[in-house]
Amino acid sequence: MSDCIFCKIASGEIDSEAIYRDDEIIVIKDINPQAPVHLLVIPAKHYQDLTAPEFEAPLMGRLLAKASELGKRYGQENGFRVVINTGRLAGQTVGHVHFHVLSGRELQWPPG
């Protein structure tokens, strides 16, 4: 999508320091972190949200596996949180699937 910031990052139109990148996945630091560690795990291809019919389970599995790997690597030994917001009422502010990986402080429940 031409107006999607994550698509622009994936295509290289917007420069972003990727922590990880392959043909399907990009990982960047959140520009407005909500914890000392706040990473975004993003599919390179545009999917509006988790309900997109073309968003397939194998890619979701790869995204979650990468989120878990990075949570362990960059998170604290006491744990990390992976969050996916789907839709406006859930707090999704960018219309492109992405996983938040948060760590580095005690995270409260419920989150909001």
Protein backbone atom coordinates (compact mmCIF):
# COMPACT_ATOMS: atom_id res chain seq x y z
CA MET A 1 0.00 0.00 0.00
CA SER A 2 1.40 3.36 -1.00
CA ASP A 3 0.50 5.18 2.24
CA CYS A 4 1.50 2.43 4.71
CA ILE A 5 4.57 3.34 6.76
CA PHE A 6 5.53 -0.30 7.29
CA CYS A 7 5.30 -0.99 3.54
CA LYS A 8 7.55 2.03 2.95
CA ILE A 9 10.05 0.66 5.47
CA ALA A 10 9.88 -2.81 3.86
CA SER A 11 10.50 -1.39 0.37
CA GLY A 12 13.35 0.84 1.53
CA GLU A 13 11.43 4.02 0.69
CA ILE A 14 11.81 5.02 4.36
CA ASP A 15 15.18 4.31 5.92
CA SER A 16 14.98 2.34 9.14
CA GLU A 17 17.66 0.52 11.08
CA ALA A 18 16.45 -3.06 10.99
CA ILE A 19 17.43 -5.36 13.85
CA TYR A 20 16.53 -8.27 11.57
CA ARG A 21 15.46 -8.54 7.93
CA ASP A 22 14.78 -11.35 5.49
CA ASP A 23 12.45 -11.73 2.49
CA GLU A 24 9.34 -12.02 4.70
CA ILE A 25 10.09 -10.34 8.04
CA ILE A 26 11.48 -7.02 9.24
CA VAL A 27 12.19 -6.16 12.88
CA ILE A 28 12.67 -2.56 14.01
CA LYS A 29 12.66 -0.62 17.28
CA ASP A 30 9.39 1.17 18.03
CA ILE A 31 9.80 4.95 17.62
CA ASN A 32 7.51 5.50 20.64
CA PRO A 33 8.63 2.75 23.04
CA GLN A 34 6.30 1.68 25.82
CA ALA A 35 9.04 -0.29 27.61
CA PRO A 36 12.85 -0.25 27.70
CA VAL A 37 12.75 -2.98 25.03
CA HIS A 38 10.01 -2.40 22.43
CA LEU A 39 10.49 -4.10 19.07
CA LEU A 40 8.09 -4.43 16.13
CA VAL A 41 8.07 -7.68 14.16
CA ILE A 42 6.51 -6.89 10.78
CA PRO A 43 5.72 -8.96 7.69
CA ALA A 44 7.31 -7.39 4.60
CA LYS A 45 4.10 -7.98 2.64
CA HIS A 46 1.06 -5.85 3.53
CA TYR A 47 -1.72 -7.48 5.55
CA GLN A 48 -4.27 -5.11 7.10
CA ASP A 49 -4.71 -7.17 10.27
CA LEU A 50 -4.95 -10.75 11.53
CA THR A 51 -8.36 -11.19 9.92
CA ALA A 52 -7.02 -10.62 6.38
CA PRO A 53 -8.02 -13.78 4.48
CA GLU A 54 -4.65 -13.97 2.69
CA PHE A 55 -2.67 -13.85 5.97
CA GLU A 56 -1.62 -17.48 6.32
CA ALA A 57 -0.67 -19.55 9.35
CA PRO A 58 2.90 -20.42 8.23
CA LEU A 59 3.85 -16.72 8.09
CA MET A 60 2.14 -16.08 11.43
CA GLY A 61 4.18 -18.91 12.88
CA ARG A 62 7.42 -17.43 11.53
CA LEU A 63 6.52 -13.99 12.91
CA LEU A 64 5.74 -15.43 16.34
CA ALA A 65 8.91 -17.54 16.33
CA LYS A 66 10.98 -14.43 15.49
CA ALA A 67 9.18 -12.44 18.22
CA SER A 68 9.97 -15.19 20.73
CA GLU A 69 13.62 -15.40 19.64
CA LEU A 70 14.07 -11.65 19.95
CA GLY A 71 12.16 -11.51 23.24
CA LYS A 72 14.66 -13.98 24.67
CA ARG A 73 17.65 -12.19 23.12
CA TYR A 74 16.72 -8.57 23.94
CA GLY A 75 14.36 -9.12 26.84
CA GLN A 76 15.21 -9.55 30.44
CA GLU A 77 15.66 -13.02 31.89
CA ASN A 78 12.44 -12.48 33.85
CA GLY A 79 10.24 -12.40 30.76
CA PHE A 80 8.80 -10.48 27.86
CA ARG A 81 5.40 -9.81 26.31
CA VAL A 82 4.24 -10.25 22.71
CA VAL A 83 1.18 -8.19 21.70
CA ILE A 84 -0.83 -8.09 18.48
CA ASN A 85 -3.53 -5.42 18.24
CA THR A 86 -6.25 -6.13 15.67
CA GLY A 87 -8.65 -3.30 14.88
CA ARG A 88 -9.16 0.21 16.20
CA LEU A 89 -10.86 -0.78 19.47
CA ALA A 90 -7.94 -3.08 20.28
CA GLY A 91 -5.47 -0.24 19.79
CA GLN A 92 -4.20 -0.98 16.27
CA THR A 93 -2.92 2.36 14.99
CA VAL A 94 -1.07 1.17 11.86
CA GLY A 95 -3.11 -0.86 9.37
CA HIS A 96 -0.40 -3.45 8.78
CA VAL A 97 -0.01 -6.59 10.91
CA HIS A 98 2.80 -6.28 13.44
CA PHE A 99 3.81 -7.92 16.70
CA HIS A 100 5.04 -5.81 19.62
CA VAL A 101 7.79 -7.38 21.75
CA LEU A 102 8.05 -5.60 25.13
CA SER A 103 10.42 -6.16 28.03
CA GLY A 104 12.78 -4.46 30.44
CA ARG A 105 10.30 -3.55 33.16
CA GLU A 106 7.42 -5.13 35.04
CA LEU A 107 4.44 -5.17 32.68
CA GLN A 108 1.02 -4.76 34.28
CA TRP A 109 -2.17 -6.75 33.60
CA PRO A 110 -4.64 -5.86 32.31
CA PRO A 111 -2.61 -3.69 29.93
CA GLY A 112 -5.19 -0.99 29.29
